[in-house]
């Protein structure tokens, strides 16, 4: 049983490290709600906010100006060429 738990722990550590490497290479950065609020208040051009929750969740509450993209798989065609020059926030 201890060997099994050690293997599971090693796999989890590997996955966490792999995610961090991928995230950094892809330019993905986690931000807090406070940081997003500051961006929205102070930026000349606000970020493009993609709300990936279900349509029902979006209808109950969403950040003003956010675009609903329920359960989206982020692909280049989700964001058009004009929007690509903006900071994109996935919420």
N, C-alpha and C. Protein backbone atom coordinates (compact mmCIF):
# COMPACT_ATOMS: atom_id res chain seq x y z
N UNK A 1 0.82 -1.20 0.00
CA UNK A 1 0.00 0.00 0.00
C UNK A 1 0.87 1.26 0.00
N UNK A 2 1.96 1.25 0.76
CA UNK A 2 2.86 2.41 0.80
C UNK A 2 3.49 2.66 -0.56
N UNK A 3 3.82 1.60 -1.27
CA UNK A 3 4.40 1.75 -2.61
C UNK A 3 3.39 2.39 -3.55
N UNK A 4 2.14 1.97 -3.48
CA UNK A 4 1.09 2.54 -4.31
C UNK A 4 0.93 4.04 -4.04
N UNK A 5 0.89 4.41 -2.75
CA UNK A 5 0.75 5.82 -2.39
C UNK A 5 1.95 6.64 -2.86
N UNK A 6 3.14 6.06 -2.78
CA UNK A 6 4.34 6.76 -3.25
C UNK A 6 4.28 6.98 -4.75
N UNK A 7 3.77 6.00 -5.50
CA UNK A 7 3.64 6.14 -6.94
C UNK A 7 2.61 7.22 -7.28
N UNK A 8 1.48 7.20 -6.60
CA UNK A 8 0.44 8.21 -6.83
C UNK A 8 0.99 9.60 -6.52
N UNK A 9 1.71 9.74 -5.41
CA UNK A 9 2.29 11.04 -5.05
C UNK A 9 3.29 11.50 -6.10
N UNK A 10 4.11 10.59 -6.61
CA UNK A 10 5.09 10.94 -7.64
C UNK A 10 4.40 11.39 -8.92
N UNK A 11 3.32 10.72 -9.30
CA UNK A 11 2.57 11.09 -10.49
C UNK A 11 1.96 12.48 -10.32
N UNK A 12 1.39 12.75 -9.14
CA UNK A 12 0.80 14.06 -8.89
C UNK A 12 1.85 15.17 -8.95
N UNK A 13 3.02 14.93 -8.37
CA UNK A 13 4.09 15.92 -8.43
C UNK A 13 4.51 16.16 -9.87
N UNK A 14 4.63 15.09 -10.65
CA UNK A 14 4.99 15.23 -12.06
C UNK A 14 3.95 16.05 -12.81
N UNK A 15 2.67 15.78 -12.59
CA UNK A 15 1.61 16.52 -13.28
C UNK A 15 1.61 18.00 -12.90
N UNK A 16 1.85 18.30 -11.65
CA UNK A 16 1.90 19.69 -11.21
C UNK A 16 3.07 20.42 -11.88
N UNK A 17 4.22 19.79 -11.91
CA UNK A 17 5.39 20.39 -12.55
C UNK A 17 5.15 20.56 -14.05
N UNK A 18 4.57 19.54 -14.69
CA UNK A 18 4.29 19.62 -16.13
C UNK A 18 3.33 20.76 -16.43
N UNK A 19 2.29 20.93 -15.61
CA UNK A 19 1.34 22.02 -15.81
C UNK A 19 2.03 23.37 -15.69
N UNK A 20 2.90 23.53 -14.69
CA UNK A 20 3.60 24.79 -14.51
C UNK A 20 4.50 25.11 -15.70
N UNK A 21 5.18 24.11 -16.22
CA UNK A 21 6.03 24.32 -17.40
C UNK A 21 5.17 24.73 -18.59
N UNK A 22 4.08 24.01 -18.82
CA UNK A 22 3.17 24.34 -19.93
C UNK A 22 2.62 25.75 -19.78
N UNK A 23 2.15 26.07 -18.58
CA UNK A 23 1.54 27.37 -18.32
C UNK A 23 2.51 28.51 -18.60
N UNK A 24 3.73 28.37 -18.16
CA UNK A 24 4.73 29.42 -18.38
C UNK A 24 5.09 29.55 -19.85
N UNK A 25 5.26 28.44 -20.55
CA UNK A 25 5.60 28.50 -21.97
C UNK A 25 4.46 29.07 -22.80
N UNK A 26 3.23 28.82 -22.38
CA UNK A 26 2.06 29.31 -23.12
C UNK A 26 1.71 30.74 -22.75
N UNK A 27 2.40 31.30 -21.76
CA UNK A 27 2.12 32.67 -21.34
C UNK A 27 0.86 32.80 -20.51
N UNK A 28 0.43 31.71 -19.89
CA UNK A 28 -0.77 31.73 -19.05
C UNK A 28 -0.38 32.20 -17.66
N UNK A 29 -1.11 33.17 -17.16
CA UNK A 29 -0.83 33.71 -15.85
C UNK A 29 -2.12 33.76 -15.04
N UNK A 30 -2.07 33.24 -13.84
CA UNK A 30 -3.24 33.30 -12.96
C UNK A 30 -3.29 34.68 -12.32
N UNK A 31 -4.49 35.25 -12.24
CA UNK A 31 -4.66 36.54 -11.56
C UNK A 31 -5.81 36.41 -10.58
N UNK A 32 -5.82 37.29 -9.59
CA UNK A 32 -6.89 37.27 -8.60
C UNK A 32 -8.05 38.13 -9.07
N UNK A 33 -9.17 38.00 -8.40
CA UNK A 33 -10.33 38.84 -8.71
C UNK A 33 -9.98 40.31 -8.48
N UNK A 34 -9.22 40.59 -7.47
CA UNK A 34 -8.80 41.96 -7.17
C UNK A 34 -7.96 42.52 -8.33
N UNK A 35 -7.03 41.71 -8.84
CA UNK A 35 -6.19 42.16 -9.96
C UNK A 35 -7.05 42.44 -11.20
N UNK A 36 -8.03 41.59 -11.46
CA UNK A 36 -8.91 41.81 -12.60
C UNK A 36 -9.71 43.08 -12.42
N UNK A 37 -10.23 43.30 -11.23
CA UNK A 37 -10.99 44.52 -10.97
C UNK A 37 -10.13 45.76 -11.21
N UNK A 38 -8.87 45.70 -10.75
CA UNK A 38 -7.96 46.83 -10.97
C UNK A 38 -7.70 47.04 -12.46
N UNK A 39 -7.55 45.95 -13.21
CA UNK A 39 -7.36 46.07 -14.66
C UNK A 39 -8.56 46.73 -15.31
N UNK A 40 -9.74 46.30 -14.90
CA UNK A 40 -10.96 46.84 -15.50
C UNK A 40 -11.15 48.32 -15.16
N UNK A 41 -10.71 48.73 -13.99
CA UNK A 41 -10.88 50.12 -13.58
C UNK A 41 -9.80 51.05 -14.12
N UNK A 42 -8.60 50.55 -14.29
CA UNK A 42 -7.50 51.45 -14.62
C UNK A 42 -7.03 51.38 -16.07
N UNK A 43 -7.37 50.34 -16.78
CA UNK A 43 -6.83 50.15 -18.12
C UNK A 43 -7.58 50.98 -19.15
N UNK A 44 -6.82 51.54 -20.10
CA UNK A 44 -7.45 52.26 -21.21
C UNK A 44 -8.27 51.30 -22.05
N UNK A 45 -7.70 50.14 -22.31
CA UNK A 45 -8.42 49.11 -23.06
C UNK A 45 -8.57 47.91 -22.15
N UNK A 46 -9.80 47.62 -21.76
CA UNK A 46 -10.02 46.52 -20.83
C UNK A 46 -9.76 45.18 -21.50
N UNK A 47 -9.44 44.18 -20.71
CA UNK A 47 -9.18 42.86 -21.28
C UNK A 47 -10.47 42.23 -21.82
N UNK A 48 -10.30 41.31 -22.75
CA UNK A 48 -11.41 40.51 -23.25
C UNK A 48 -11.65 39.41 -22.23
N UNK A 49 -12.84 39.35 -21.66
CA UNK A 49 -13.15 38.35 -20.65
C UNK A 49 -14.04 37.29 -21.27
N UNK A 50 -13.55 36.05 -21.28
CA UNK A 50 -14.33 34.91 -21.77
C UNK A 50 -14.85 34.15 -20.57
N UNK A 51 -16.15 34.13 -20.40
CA UNK A 51 -16.80 33.42 -19.29
C UNK A 51 -17.14 32.03 -19.80
N UNK A 52 -16.46 31.01 -19.28
CA UNK A 52 -16.60 29.65 -19.81
C UNK A 52 -17.59 28.80 -19.02
N UNK A 53 -18.34 29.43 -18.14
CA UNK A 53 -19.35 28.68 -17.39
C UNK A 53 -20.55 28.41 -18.29
N UNK A 54 -21.48 27.62 -17.80
CA UNK A 54 -22.68 27.31 -18.57
C UNK A 54 -23.50 28.58 -18.81
N UNK A 55 -24.39 28.52 -19.79
CA UNK A 55 -25.24 29.67 -20.11
C UNK A 55 -26.11 30.05 -18.90
N UNK A 56 -26.58 29.06 -18.15
CA UNK A 56 -27.39 29.33 -16.97
C UNK A 56 -26.59 30.07 -15.91
N UNK A 57 -25.38 29.62 -15.66
CA UNK A 57 -24.53 30.29 -14.68
C UNK A 57 -24.23 31.73 -15.13
N UNK A 58 -23.97 31.90 -16.42
CA UNK A 58 -23.69 33.23 -16.97
C UNK A 58 -24.89 34.14 -16.78
N UNK A 59 -26.10 33.60 -17.02
CA UNK A 59 -27.29 34.44 -16.90
C UNK A 59 -27.57 34.86 -15.45
N UNK A 60 -27.13 34.04 -14.49
CA UNK A 60 -27.33 34.38 -13.08
C UNK A 60 -26.39 35.48 -12.62
N UNK A 61 -25.15 35.43 -13.07
CA UNK A 61 -24.17 36.45 -12.71
C UNK A 61 -22.99 36.37 -13.66
N UNK A 62 -22.56 37.52 -14.12
CA UNK A 62 -21.33 37.59 -14.91
C UNK A 62 -20.72 38.97 -14.78
N UNK A 63 -19.46 39.05 -15.12
CA UNK A 63 -18.76 40.33 -15.10
C UNK A 63 -19.27 41.15 -16.27
N UNK A 64 -19.68 42.39 -16.02
CA UNK A 64 -20.15 43.22 -17.13
C UNK A 64 -19.12 43.30 -18.26
N UNK A 65 -19.59 43.07 -19.47
CA UNK A 65 -18.70 43.09 -20.64
C UNK A 65 -18.10 41.74 -20.98
N UNK A 66 -18.29 40.76 -20.10
CA UNK A 66 -17.75 39.43 -20.38
C UNK A 66 -18.53 38.77 -21.51
N UNK A 67 -17.84 37.99 -22.30
CA UNK A 67 -18.46 37.26 -23.40
C UNK A 67 -18.69 35.81 -22.99
N UNK A 68 -19.90 35.33 -23.15
CA UNK A 68 -20.21 33.94 -22.79
C UNK A 68 -19.69 32.99 -23.85
N UNK A 69 -18.83 32.09 -23.43
CA UNK A 69 -18.31 31.02 -24.28
C UNK A 69 -18.40 29.73 -23.46
N UNK A 70 -19.62 29.21 -23.27
CA UNK A 70 -19.79 28.07 -22.36
C UNK A 70 -19.01 26.85 -22.80
N UNK A 71 -18.28 26.31 -21.82
CA UNK A 71 -17.53 25.07 -22.01
C UNK A 71 -16.64 25.13 -23.25
N UNK A 72 -16.07 26.28 -23.51
CA UNK A 72 -15.26 26.46 -24.71
C UNK A 72 -13.93 25.72 -24.58
N UNK A 73 -13.50 25.22 -25.69
CA UNK A 73 -12.14 24.72 -25.78
C UNK A 73 -11.39 25.81 -26.51
N UNK A 74 -10.44 26.40 -25.82
CA UNK A 74 -9.79 27.57 -26.40
C UNK A 74 -9.01 27.19 -27.65
N UNK A 75 -9.45 27.76 -28.73
CA UNK A 75 -8.82 27.56 -30.03
C UNK A 75 -8.63 28.94 -30.64
N UNK A 76 -7.72 29.07 -31.58
CA UNK A 76 -7.49 30.39 -32.18
C UNK A 76 -8.75 31.03 -32.73
N UNK A 77 -9.68 30.24 -33.28
CA UNK A 77 -10.87 30.84 -33.89
C UNK A 77 -11.87 31.38 -32.87
N UNK A 78 -11.69 31.09 -31.59
CA UNK A 78 -12.58 31.61 -30.56
C UNK A 78 -12.39 33.12 -30.43
N UNK A 79 -11.17 33.57 -30.62
CA UNK A 79 -10.85 34.99 -30.51
C UNK A 79 -10.41 35.48 -31.88
N UNK A 80 -11.12 36.48 -32.40
CA UNK A 80 -10.76 36.96 -33.75
C UNK A 80 -9.48 37.78 -33.73
N UNK A 81 -8.99 38.12 -34.92
CA UNK A 81 -7.70 38.79 -35.04
C UNK A 81 -7.64 40.12 -34.30
N UNK A 82 -8.72 40.88 -34.29
CA UNK A 82 -8.74 42.16 -33.60
C UNK A 82 -8.59 41.94 -32.10
N UNK A 83 -9.29 40.95 -31.57
CA UNK A 83 -9.27 40.70 -30.14
C UNK A 83 -7.95 40.12 -29.66
N UNK A 84 -7.18 39.52 -30.56
CA UNK A 84 -5.92 38.90 -30.16
C UNK A 84 -4.90 39.92 -29.68
N UNK A 85 -5.06 41.17 -30.03
CA UNK A 85 -4.13 42.19 -29.55
C UNK A 85 -4.45 42.58 -28.11
N UNK A 86 -5.60 42.17 -27.60
CA UNK A 86 -6.00 42.47 -26.23
C UNK A 86 -5.57 41.35 -25.30
N UNK A 87 -5.49 41.69 -24.03
CA UNK A 87 -5.27 40.69 -23.00
C UNK A 87 -6.55 39.87 -22.90
N UNK A 88 -6.44 38.54 -22.88
CA UNK A 88 -7.62 37.67 -22.79
C UNK A 88 -7.64 37.05 -21.40
N UNK A 89 -8.77 37.19 -20.72
CA UNK A 89 -8.95 36.63 -19.38
C UNK A 89 -10.04 35.56 -19.49
N UNK A 90 -9.73 34.35 -19.04
CA UNK A 90 -10.71 33.27 -19.03
C UNK A 90 -11.21 33.14 -17.60
N UNK A 91 -12.52 33.31 -17.43
CA UNK A 91 -13.10 33.29 -16.09
C UNK A 91 -14.13 32.18 -15.99
